[in-house]
Amino acid sequence: MTRTLFLCACAAVLTACTSAQTGTSGLSRIEVRADVAMWQRSGMDRFYRGRGPIDVFSPAYRRSYAEYQRLKSGPEYQAEVERLRAEAASKVTD
């Protein structure tokens, strides 16, 4: 539970930074959940386990971050948003 909250917080911070740069705001809960999914799929979550320092200049970190950016700006993100919307809609109708 704590790990999930931490990942959500990290995703929210990164999304806020991205939003500030692009001038957009007001992400939906589904968009944040999709962002977290891209974060996890790229492997970024493995760098934030524990309390040790994070080497953001390491090749592994940079590869994962580049993959996160690719996923976030690619069709994978939109597909995840649509999947989560469909999942939410099916819960409402149940």
PDB file of N, CA and C in Angstrom:
ATOM      1  N   MET A   1       0.822  -1.192   0.000  1.00  0.00           N
ATOM      2  CA  MET A   1       0.000   0.000   0.000  1.00  0.00           C
ATOM      3  C   MET A   1       0.865   1.254   0.000  1.00  0.00           C
ATOM      4  N   THR A   2       1.874   1.291   0.882  1.00  0.00           N
ATOM      5  CA  THR A   2       2.749   2.452   0.962  1.00  0.00           C
ATOM      6  C   THR A   2       3.499   2.643  -0.348  1.00  0.00           C
ATOM      7  N   ARG A   3       3.939   1.540  -0.941  1.00  0.00           N
ATOM      8  CA  ARG A   3       4.677   1.607  -2.201  1.00  0.00           C
ATOM      9  C   ARG A   3       3.798   2.175  -3.314  1.00  0.00           C
ATOM     10  N   THR A   4       2.542   1.739  -3.354  1.00  0.00           N
ATOM     11  CA  THR A   4       1.622   2.235  -4.366  1.00  0.00           C
ATOM     12  C   THR A   4       1.390   3.728  -4.197  1.00  0.00           C
ATOM     13  N   LEU A   5       1.214   4.161  -2.957  1.00  0.00           N
ATOM     14  CA  LEU A   5       1.027   5.590  -2.711  1.00  0.00           C
ATOM     15  C   LEU A   5       2.260   6.381  -3.131  1.00  0.00           C
ATOM     16  N   PHE A   6       3.443   5.831  -2.845  1.00  0.00           N
ATOM     17  CA  PHE A   6       4.685   6.499  -3.226  1.00  0.00           C
ATOM     18  C   PHE A   6       4.781   6.618  -4.744  1.00  0.00           C
ATOM     19  N   LEU A   7       4.445   5.537  -5.460  1.00  0.00           N
ATOM     20  CA  LEU A   7       4.503   5.574  -6.916  1.00  0.00           C
ATOM     21  C   LEU A   7       3.500   6.570  -7.485  1.00  0.00           C
ATOM     22  N   CYS A   8       2.318   6.613  -6.890  1.00  0.00           N
ATOM     23  CA  CYS A   8       1.321   7.580  -7.340  1.00  0.00           C
ATOM     24  C   CYS A   8       1.816   9.001  -7.115  1.00  0.00           C
ATOM     25  N   ALA A   9       2.454   9.230  -5.971  1.00  0.00           N
ATOM     26  CA  ALA A   9       2.991  10.551  -5.677  1.00  0.00           C
ATOM     27  C   ALA A   9       4.082  10.922  -6.679  1.00  0.00           C
ATOM     28  N   CYS A  10       4.957   9.968  -6.977  1.00  0.00           N
ATOM     29  CA  CYS A  10       6.024  10.232  -7.954  1.00  0.00           C
ATOM     30  C   CYS A  10       5.428  10.558  -9.321  1.00  0.00           C
ATOM     31  N   ALA A  11       4.447   9.769  -9.723  1.00  0.00           N
ATOM     32  CA  ALA A  11       3.811  10.009 -11.018  1.00  0.00           C
ATOM     33  C   ALA A  11       3.121  11.362 -11.040  1.00  0.00           C
ATOM     34  N   ALA A  12       2.476  11.718  -9.945  1.00  0.00           N
ATOM     35  CA  ALA A  12       1.792  13.013  -9.882  1.00  0.00           C
ATOM     36  C   ALA A  12       2.787  14.163  -9.980  1.00  0.00           C
ATOM     37  N   VAL A  13       3.925  14.021  -9.310  1.00  0.00           N
ATOM     38  CA  VAL A  13       4.944  15.074  -9.369  1.00  0.00           C
ATOM     39  C   VAL A  13       5.486  15.193 -10.784  1.00  0.00           C
ATOM     40  N   LEU A  14       5.806  14.062 -11.393  1.00  0.00           N
ATOM     41  CA  LEU A  14       6.326  14.114 -12.764  1.00  0.00           C
ATOM     42  C   LEU A  14       5.285  14.668 -13.729  1.00  0.00           C
ATOM     43  N   THR A  15       4.051  14.271 -13.531  1.00  0.00           N
ATOM     44  CA  THR A  15       2.989  14.777 -14.392  1.00  0.00           C
ATOM     45  C   THR A  15       2.811  16.273 -14.199  1.00  0.00           C
ATOM     46  N   ALA A  16       2.895  16.733 -12.961  1.00  0.00           N
ATOM     47  CA  ALA A  16       2.770  18.172 -12.694  1.00  0.00           C
ATOM     48  C   ALA A  16       3.901  18.936 -13.365  1.00  0.00           C
ATOM     49  N   CYS A  17       5.099  18.371 -13.311  1.00  0.00           N
ATOM     50  CA  CYS A  17       6.237  19.025 -13.972  1.00  0.00           C
ATOM     51  C   CYS A  17       6.014  19.085 -15.471  1.00  0.00           C
ATOM     52  N   THR A  18       5.552  18.006 -16.043  1.00  0.00           N
ATOM     53  CA  THR A  18       5.274  17.962 -17.476  1.00  0.00           C
ATOM     54  C   THR A  18       4.161  18.937 -17.818  1.00  0.00           C
ATOM     55  N   SER A  19       3.112  18.969 -16.998  1.00  0.00           N
ATOM     56  CA  SER A  19       1.983  19.872 -17.238  1.00  0.00           C
ATOM     57  C   SER A  19       2.415  21.323 -17.177  1.00  0.00           C
ATOM     58  N   ALA A  20       3.297  21.646 -16.242  1.00  0.00           N
ATOM     59  CA  ALA A  20       3.771  23.018 -16.115  1.00  0.00           C
ATOM     60  C   ALA A  20       4.538  23.431 -17.362  1.00  0.00           C
ATOM     61  N   GLN A  21       5.253  22.486 -17.955  1.00  0.00           N
ATOM     62  CA  GLN A  21       6.028  22.799 -19.150  1.00  0.00           C
ATOM     63  C   GLN A  21       5.131  22.946 -20.366  1.00  0.00           C
ATOM     64  N   THR A  22       4.071  22.141 -20.449  1.00  0.00           N
ATOM     65  CA  THR A  22       3.207  22.171 -21.623  1.00  0.00           C
ATOM     66  C   THR A  22       2.029  23.105 -21.470  1.00  0.00           C
ATOM     67  N   GLY A  23       1.777  23.578 -20.241  1.00  0.00           N
ATOM     68  CA  GLY A  23       0.681  24.503 -20.023  1.00  0.00           C
ATOM     69  C   GLY A  23      -0.659  23.816 -19.814  1.00  0.00           C
ATOM     70  N   THR A  24      -0.679  22.516 -19.613  1.00  0.00           N
ATOM     71  CA  THR A  24      -1.924  21.801 -19.369  1.00  0.00           C
ATOM     72  C   THR A  24      -2.039  21.472 -17.890  1.00  0.00           C
ATOM     73  N   SER A  25      -3.243  21.226 -17.455  1.00  0.00           N
ATOM     74  CA  SER A  25      -3.449  20.856 -16.058  1.00  0.00           C
ATOM     75  C   SER A  25      -4.757  20.100 -15.938  1.00  0.00           C
ATOM     76  N   GLY A  26      -5.048  19.670 -14.722  1.00  0.00           N
ATOM     77  CA  GLY A  26      -6.324  19.023 -14.464  1.00  0.00           C
ATOM     78  C   GLY A  26      -6.426  17.610 -14.999  1.00  0.00           C
ATOM     79  N   LEU A  27      -5.432  16.793 -14.738  1.00  0.00           N
ATOM     80  CA  LEU A  27      -5.493  15.406 -15.186  1.00  0.00           C
ATOM     81  C   LEU A  27      -6.552  14.650 -14.407  1.00  0.00           C
ATOM     82  N   SER A  28      -7.199  13.750 -15.074  1.00  0.00           N
ATOM     83  CA  SER A  28      -8.189  12.916 -14.405  1.00  0.00           C
ATOM     84  C   SER A  28      -7.490  11.808 -13.635  1.00  0.00           C
ATOM     85  N   ARG A  29      -8.232  11.177 -12.757  1.00  0.00           N
ATOM     86  CA  ARG A  29      -7.693  10.056 -11.994  1.00  0.00           C
ATOM     87  C   ARG A  29      -7.242   8.937 -12.937  1.00  0.00           C
ATOM     88  N   ILE A  30      -7.989   8.723 -13.987  1.00  0.00           N
ATOM     89  CA  ILE A  30      -7.633   7.677 -14.966  1.00  0.00           C
ATOM     90  C   ILE A  30      -6.321   8.021 -15.651  1.00  0.00           C
ATOM     91  N   GLU A  31      -6.119   9.284 -16.000  1.00  0.00           N
ATOM     92  CA  GLU A  31      -4.868   9.682 -16.645  1.00  0.00           C
ATOM     93  C   GLU A  31      -3.683   9.509 -15.708  1.00  0.00           C
ATOM     94  N   VAL A  32      -3.879   9.790 -14.437  1.00  0.00           N
ATOM     95  CA  VAL A  32      -2.793   9.596 -13.462  1.00  0.00           C
ATOM     96  C   VAL A  32      -2.503   8.108 -13.313  1.00  0.00           C
ATOM     97  N   ARG A  33      -3.539   7.281 -13.256  1.00  0.00           N
ATOM     98  CA  ARG A  33      -3.327   5.832 -13.147  1.00  0.00           C
ATOM     99  C   ARG A  33      -2.603   5.292 -14.384  1.00  0.00           C
ATOM    100  N   ALA A  34      -2.940   5.815 -15.553  1.00  0.00           N
ATOM    101  CA  ALA A  34      -2.254   5.403 -16.787  1.00  0.00           C
ATOM    102  C   ALA A  34      -0.796   5.836 -16.746  1.00  0.00           C
ATOM    103  N   ASP A  35      -0.538   7.024 -16.208  1.00  0.00           N
ATOM    104  CA  ASP A  35       0.832   7.515 -16.063  1.00  0.00           C
ATOM    105  C   ASP A  35       1.628   6.590 -15.147  1.00  0.00           C
ATOM    106  N   VAL A  36       1.038   6.188 -14.036  1.00  0.00           N
ATOM    107  CA  VAL A  36       1.710   5.268 -13.110  1.00  0.00           C
ATOM    108  C   VAL A  36       1.995   3.940 -13.803  1.00  0.00           C
ATOM    109  N   ALA A  37       1.057   3.470 -14.609  1.00  0.00           N
ATOM    110  CA  ALA A  37       1.268   2.217 -15.342  1.00  0.00           C
ATOM    111  C   ALA A  37       2.459   2.335 -16.299  1.00  0.00           C
ATOM    112  N   MET A  38       2.591   3.482 -16.969  1.00  0.00           N
ATOM    113  CA  MET A  38       3.732   3.692 -17.870  1.00  0.00           C
ATOM    114  C   MET A  38       5.025   3.765 -17.062  1.00  0.00           C
ATOM    115  N   TRP A  39       4.968   4.387 -15.898  1.00  0.00           N
ATOM    116  CA  TRP A  39       6.109   4.489 -14.990  1.00  0.00           C
ATOM    117  C   TRP A  39       6.588   3.092 -14.596  1.00  0.00           C
ATOM    118  N   GLN A  40       5.641   2.253 -14.239  1.00  0.00           N
ATOM    119  CA  GLN A  40       5.991   0.886 -13.833  1.00  0.00           C
ATOM    120  C   GLN A  40       6.462   0.059 -15.024  1.00  0.00           C
ATOM    121  N   ARG A  41       5.770   0.188 -16.150  1.00  0.00           N
ATOM    122  CA  ARG A  41       6.137  -0.588 -17.337  1.00  0.00           C
ATOM    123  C   ARG A  41       7.538  -0.245 -17.827  1.00  0.00           C
ATOM    124  N   SER A  42       7.951   1.005 -17.641  1.00  0.00           N
ATOM    125  CA  SER A  42       9.286   1.422 -18.080  1.00  0.00           C
ATOM    126  C   SER A  42      10.382   0.972 -17.117  1.00  0.00           C
ATOM    127  N   GLY A  43       9.986   0.543 -15.916  1.00  0.00           N
ATOM    128  CA  GLY A  43      10.962   0.097 -14.933  1.00  0.00           C
ATOM    129  C   GLY A  43      11.446   1.196 -14.001  1.00  0.00           C
ATOM    130  N   MET A  44      10.843   2.361 -14.074  1.00  0.00           N
ATOM    131  CA  MET A  44      11.271   3.464 -13.215  1.00  0.00           C
ATOM    132  C   MET A  44      11.021   3.164 -11.743  1.00  0.00           C
ATOM    133  N   ASP A  45      10.016   2.367 -11.450  1.00  0.00           N
ATOM    134  CA  ASP A  45       9.689   2.074 -10.052  1.00  0.00           C
ATOM    135  C   ASP A  45      10.813   1.350  -9.325  1.00  0.00           C
ATOM    136  N   ARG A  46      11.630   0.615 -10.039  1.00  0.00           N
ATOM    137  CA  ARG A  46      12.702  -0.129  -9.370  1.00  0.00           C
ATOM    138  C   ARG A  46      13.788   0.782  -8.787  1.00  0.00           C
ATOM    139  N   PHE A  47      13.875   1.996  -9.287  1.00  0.00           N
ATOM    140  CA  PHE A  47      14.876   2.938  -8.777  1.00  0.00           C
ATOM    141  C   PHE A  47      14.435   3.624  -7.488  1.00  0.00           C
ATOM    142  N   TYR A  48      13.163   3.526  -7.161  1.00  0.00           N
ATOM    143  CA  TYR A  48      12.624   4.226  -6.007  1.00  0.00           C
ATOM    144  C   TYR A  48      12.227   3.277  -4.876  1.00  0.00           C
ATOM    145  N   ARG A  49      12.857   2.131  -4.824  1.00  0.00           N
ATOM    146  CA  ARG A  49      12.643   1.191  -3.727  1.00  0.00           C
ATOM    147  C   ARG A  49      13.695   1.453  -2.667  1.00  0.00           C
ATOM    148  N   GLY A  50      13.274   1.466  -1.447  1.00  0.00           N
ATOM    149  CA  GLY A  50      14.232   1.715  -0.377  1.00  0.00           C
ATOM    150  C   GLY A  50      14.459   3.198  -0.177  1.00  0.00           C
ATOM    151  N   ARG A  51      15.475   3.506   0.605  1.00  0.00           N
ATOM    152  CA  ARG A  51      15.728   4.907   0.957  1.00  0.00           C
ATOM    153  C   ARG A  51      17.090   5.404   0.490  1.00  0.00           C
ATOM    154  N   GLY A  52      17.804   4.605  -0.259  1.00  0.00           N
ATOM    155  CA  GLY A  52      19.126   5.007  -0.704  1.00  0.00           C
ATOM    156  C   GLY A  52      19.072   6.074  -1.779  1.00  0.00           C
ATOM    157  N   PRO A  53      20.223   6.672  -2.064  1.00  0.00           N
ATOM    158  CA  PRO A  53      20.271   7.692  -3.114  1.00  0.00           C
ATOM    159  C   PRO A  53      20.042   7.067  -4.487  1.00  0.00           C
ATOM    160  N   ILE A  54      19.527   7.851  -5.386  1.00  0.00           N
ATOM    161  CA  ILE A  54      19.228   7.396  -6.737  1.00  0.00           C
ATOM    162  C   ILE A  54      20.228   8.031  -7.689  1.00  0.00           C
ATOM    163  N   ASP A  55      20.906   7.196  -8.458  1.00  0.00           N
ATOM    164  CA  ASP A  55      21.871   7.700  -9.434  1.00  0.00           C
ATOM    165  C   ASP A  55      21.131   8.000 -10.738  1.00  0.00           C
ATOM    166  N   VAL A  56      20.668   9.225 -10.873  1.00  0.00           N
ATOM    167  CA  VAL A  56      19.884   9.603 -12.043  1.00  0.00           C
ATOM    168  C   VAL A  56      20.739   9.729 -13.305  1.00  0.00           C
ATOM    169  N   PHE A  57      22.041   9.612 -13.148  1.00  0.00           N
ATOM    170  CA  PHE A  57      22.928   9.690 -14.300  1.00  0.00           C
ATOM    171  C   PHE A  57      23.398   8.320 -14.776  1.00  0.00           C
ATOM    172  N   SER A  58      22.964   7.265 -14.097  1.00  0.00           N
ATOM    173  CA  SER A  58      23.378   5.920 -14.502  1.00  0.00           C
ATOM    174  C   SER A  58      22.724   5.565 -15.838  1.00  0.00           C
ATOM    175  N   PRO A  59      23.391   4.745 -16.646  1.00  0.00           N
ATOM    176  CA  PRO A  59      22.810   4.336 -17.926  1.00  0.00           C
ATOM    177  C   PRO A  59      21.465   3.616 -17.761  1.00  0.00           C
ATOM    178  N   ALA A  60      21.333   2.794 -16.725  1.00  0.00           N
ATOM    179  CA  ALA A  60      20.081   2.068 -16.510  1.00  0.00           C
ATOM    180  C   ALA A  60      18.927   3.037 -16.220  1.00  0.00           C
ATOM    181  N   TYR A  61      19.174   4.021 -15.374  1.00  0.00           N
ATOM    182  CA  TYR A  61      18.144   5.007 -15.044  1.00  0.00           C
ATOM    183  C   TYR A  61      17.763   5.795 -16.301  1.00  0.00           C
ATOM    184  N   ARG A  62      18.756   6.225 -17.037  1.00  0.00           N
ATOM    185  CA  ARG A  62      18.488   7.018 -18.237  1.00  0.00           C
ATOM    186  C   ARG A  62      17.702   6.231 -19.281  1.00  0.00           C
ATOM    187  N   ARG A  63      18.032   4.925 -19.429  1.00  0.00           N
ATOM    188  CA  ARG A  63      17.276   4.081 -20.365  1.00  0.00           C
ATOM    189  C   ARG A  63      15.826   3.959 -19.921  1.00  0.00           C
ATOM    190  N   SER A  64      15.631   3.703 -18.640  1.00  0.00           N
ATOM    191  CA  SER A  64      14.267   3.559 -18.124  1.00  0.00           C
ATOM    192  C   SER A  64      13.483   4.860 -18.267  1.00  0.00           C
ATOM    193  N   TYR A  65      14.130   5.975 -17.983  1.00  0.00           N
ATOM    194  CA  TYR A  65      13.435   7.257 -18.102  1.00  0.00           C
ATOM    195  C   TYR A  65      13.086   7.559 -19.560  1.00  0.00           C
ATOM    196  N   ALA A  66      13.992   7.245 -20.467  1.00  0.00           N
ATOM    197  CA  ALA A  66      13.711   7.441 -21.893  1.00  0.00           C
ATOM    198  C   ALA A  66      12.539   6.558 -22.323  1.00  0.00           C
ATOM    199  N   GLU A  67      12.494   5.335 -21.809  1.00  0.00           N
ATOM    200  CA  GLU A  67      11.386   4.433 -22.120  1.00  0.00           C
ATOM    201  C   GLU A  67      10.083   4.971 -21.537  1.00  0.00           C
ATOM    202  N   TYR A  68      10.128   5.514 -20.329  1.00  0.00           N
ATOM    203  CA  TYR A  68       8.937   6.117 -19.715  1.00  0.00           C
ATOM    204  C   TYR A  68       8.421   7.262 -20.587  1.00  0.00           C
ATOM    205  N   GLN A  69       9.315   8.129 -21.030  1.00  0.00           N
ATOM    206  CA  GLN A  69       8.898   9.245 -21.873  1.00  0.00           C
ATOM    207  C   GLN A  69       8.311   8.751 -23.190  1.00  0.00           C
ATOM    208  N   ARG A  70       8.924   7.709 -23.766  1.00  0.00           N
ATOM    209  CA  ARG A  70       8.416   7.151 -25.020  1.00  0.00           C
ATOM    210  C   ARG A  70       7.006   6.590 -24.819  1.00  0.00           C
ATOM    211  N   LEU A  71       6.837   5.803 -23.743  1.00  0.00           N
ATOM    212  CA  LEU A  71       5.528   5.215 -23.463  1.00  0.00           C
ATOM    213  C   LEU A  71       4.482   6.293 -23.202  1.00  0.00           C
ATOM    214  N   LYS A  72       4.858   7.302 -22.439  1.00  0.00           N
ATOM    215  CA  LYS A  72       3.918   8.364 -22.058  1.00  0.00           C
ATOM    216  C   LYS A  72       3.462   9.167 -23.263  1.00  0.00           C
ATOM    217  N   SER A  73       4.331   9.360 -24.233  1.00  0.00           N
ATOM    218  CA  SER A  73       3.967  10.160 -25.400  1.00  0.00           C
ATOM    219  C   SER A  73       3.501   9.301 -26.576  1.00  0.00           C
ATOM    220  N   GLY A  74       3.484   7.994 -26.399  1.00  0.00           N
ATOM    221  CA  GLY A  74       3.105   7.100 -27.484  1.00  0.00           C
ATOM    222  C   GLY A  74       1.703   6.545 -27.354  1.00  0.00           C
ATOM    223  N   PRO A  75       1.362   5.643 -28.240  1.00  0.00           N
ATOM    224  CA  PRO A  75       0.018   5.052 -28.235  1.00  0.00           C
ATOM    225  C   PRO A  75      -0.243   4.169 -27.014  1.00  0.00           C
ATOM    226  N   GLU A  76       0.809   3.713 -26.361  1.00  0.00           N
ATOM    227  CA  GLU A  76       0.631   2.864 -25.184  1.00  0.00           C
ATOM    228  C   GLU A  76      -0.119   3.598 -24.070  1.00  0.00           C
ATOM    229  N   TYR A  77       0.201   4.854 -23.888  1.00  0.00           N
ATOM    230  CA  TYR A  77      -0.464   5.657 -22.855  1.00  0.00           C
ATOM    231  C   TYR A  77      -1.954   5.806 -23.167  1.00  0.00           C
ATOM    232  N   GLN A  78      -2.248   6.173 -24.410  1.00  0.00           N
ATOM    233  CA  GLN A  78      -3.658   6.337 -24.796  1.00  0.00           C
ATOM    234  C   GLN A  78      -4.421   5.025 -24.693  1.00  0.00           C
ATOM    235  N   ALA A  79      -3.767   3.928 -25.046  1.00  0.00           N
ATOM    236  CA  ALA A  79      -4.411   2.614 -24.928  1.00  0.00           C
ATOM    237  C   ALA A  79      -4.712   2.295 -23.465  1.00  0.00           C
ATOM    238  N   GLU A  80      -3.797   2.646 -22.579  1.00  0.00           N
ATOM    239  CA  GLU A  80      -4.017   2.407 -21.149  1.00  0.00           C
ATOM    240  C   GLU A  80      -5.150   3.285 -20.623  1.00  0.00           C
ATOM    241  N   VAL A  81      -5.205   4.533 -21.053  1.00  0.00           N
ATOM    242  CA  VAL A  81      -6.299   5.424 -20.649  1.00  0.00           C
ATOM    243  C   VAL A  81      -7.629   4.827 -21.097  1.00  0.00           C
ATOM    244  N   GLU A  82      -7.703   4.384 -22.330  1.00  0.00           N
ATOM    245  CA  GLU A  82      -8.944   3.796 -22.843  1.00  0.00           C
ATOM    246  C   GLU A  82      -9.304   2.513 -22.094  1.00  0.00           C
ATOM    247  N   ARG A  83      -8.313   1.696 -21.781  1.00  0.00           N
ATOM    248  CA  ARG A  83      -8.559   0.463 -21.030  1.00  0.00           C
ATOM    249  C   ARG A  83      -9.121   0.780 -19.653  1.00  0.00           C
ATOM    250  N   LEU A  84      -8.529   1.768 -18.983  1.00  0.00           N
ATOM    251  CA  LEU A  84      -8.992   2.148 -17.654  1.00  0.00           C
ATOM    252  C   LEU A  84     -10.384   2.777 -17.702  1.00  0.00           C
ATOM    253  N   ARG A  85     -10.675   3.534 -18.746  1.00  0.00           N
ATOM    254  CA  ARG A  85     -12.022   4.109 -18.899  1.00  0.00           C
ATOM    255  C   ARG A  85     -13.055   3.008 -19.089  1.00  0.00           C
ATOM    256  N   ALA A  86     -12.712   2.024 -19.924  1.00  0.00           N
ATOM    257  CA  ALA A  86     -13.625   0.904 -20.152  1.00  0.00           C
ATOM    258  C   ALA A  86     -13.831   0.109 -18.859  1.00  0.00           C
ATOM    259  N   GLU A  87     -12.751  -0.072 -18.112  1.00  0.00           N
ATOM    260  CA  GLU A  87     -12.835  -0.782 -16.834  1.00  0.00           C
ATOM    261  C   GLU A  87     -13.742  -0.026 -15.858  1.00  0.00           C
ATOM    262  N   ALA A  88     -13.590   1.288 -15.803  1.00  0.00           N
ATOM    263  CA  ALA A  88     -14.416   2.109 -14.909  1.00  0.00           C
ATOM    264  C   ALA A  88     -15.883   2.078 -15.342  1.00  0.00           C
ATOM    265  N   ALA A  89     -16.116   2.121 -16.642  1.00  0.00           N
ATOM    266  CA  ALA A  89     -17.487   2.091 -17.155  1.00  0.00           C
ATOM    267  C   ALA A  89     -18.161   0.753 -16.852  1.00  0.00           C
ATOM    268  N   SER A  90     -17.385  -0.328 -16.940  1.00  0.00           N
ATOM    269  CA  SER A  90     -17.974  -1.647 -16.657  1.00  0.00           C
ATOM    270  C   SER A  90     -18.293  -1.795 -15.177  1.00  0.00           C
ATOM    271  N   LYS A  91     -17.536  -1.126 -14.304  1.00  0.00           N
ATOM    272  CA  LYS A  91     -17.831  -1.169 -12.873  1.00  0.00           C
ATOM    273  C   LYS A  91     -19.106  -0.414 -12.542  1.00  0.00           C
ATOM    274  N   VAL A  92     -19.359   0.651 -13.285  1.00  0.00           N
ATOM    275  CA  VAL A  92     -20.552   1.457 -13.057  1.00  0.00           C
ATOM    276  C   VAL A  92     -21.799   0.685 -13.460  1.00  0.00           C
ATOM    277  N   THR A  93     -21.709  -0.068 -14.539  1.00  0.00           N
ATOM    278  CA  THR A  93     -22.873  -0.795 -15.044  1.00  0.00           C
ATOM    279  C   THR A  93     -23.110  -2.110 -14.302  1.00  0.00           C
ATOM    280  N   ASP A  94     -22.153  -2.553 -13.514  1.00  0.00           N
ATOM    281  CA  ASP A  94     -22.338  -3.814 -12.773  1.00  0.00           C
ATOM    282  C   ASP A  94     -23.255  -3.663 -11.597  1.00  0.00           C
TER     283      ASP A  94
END
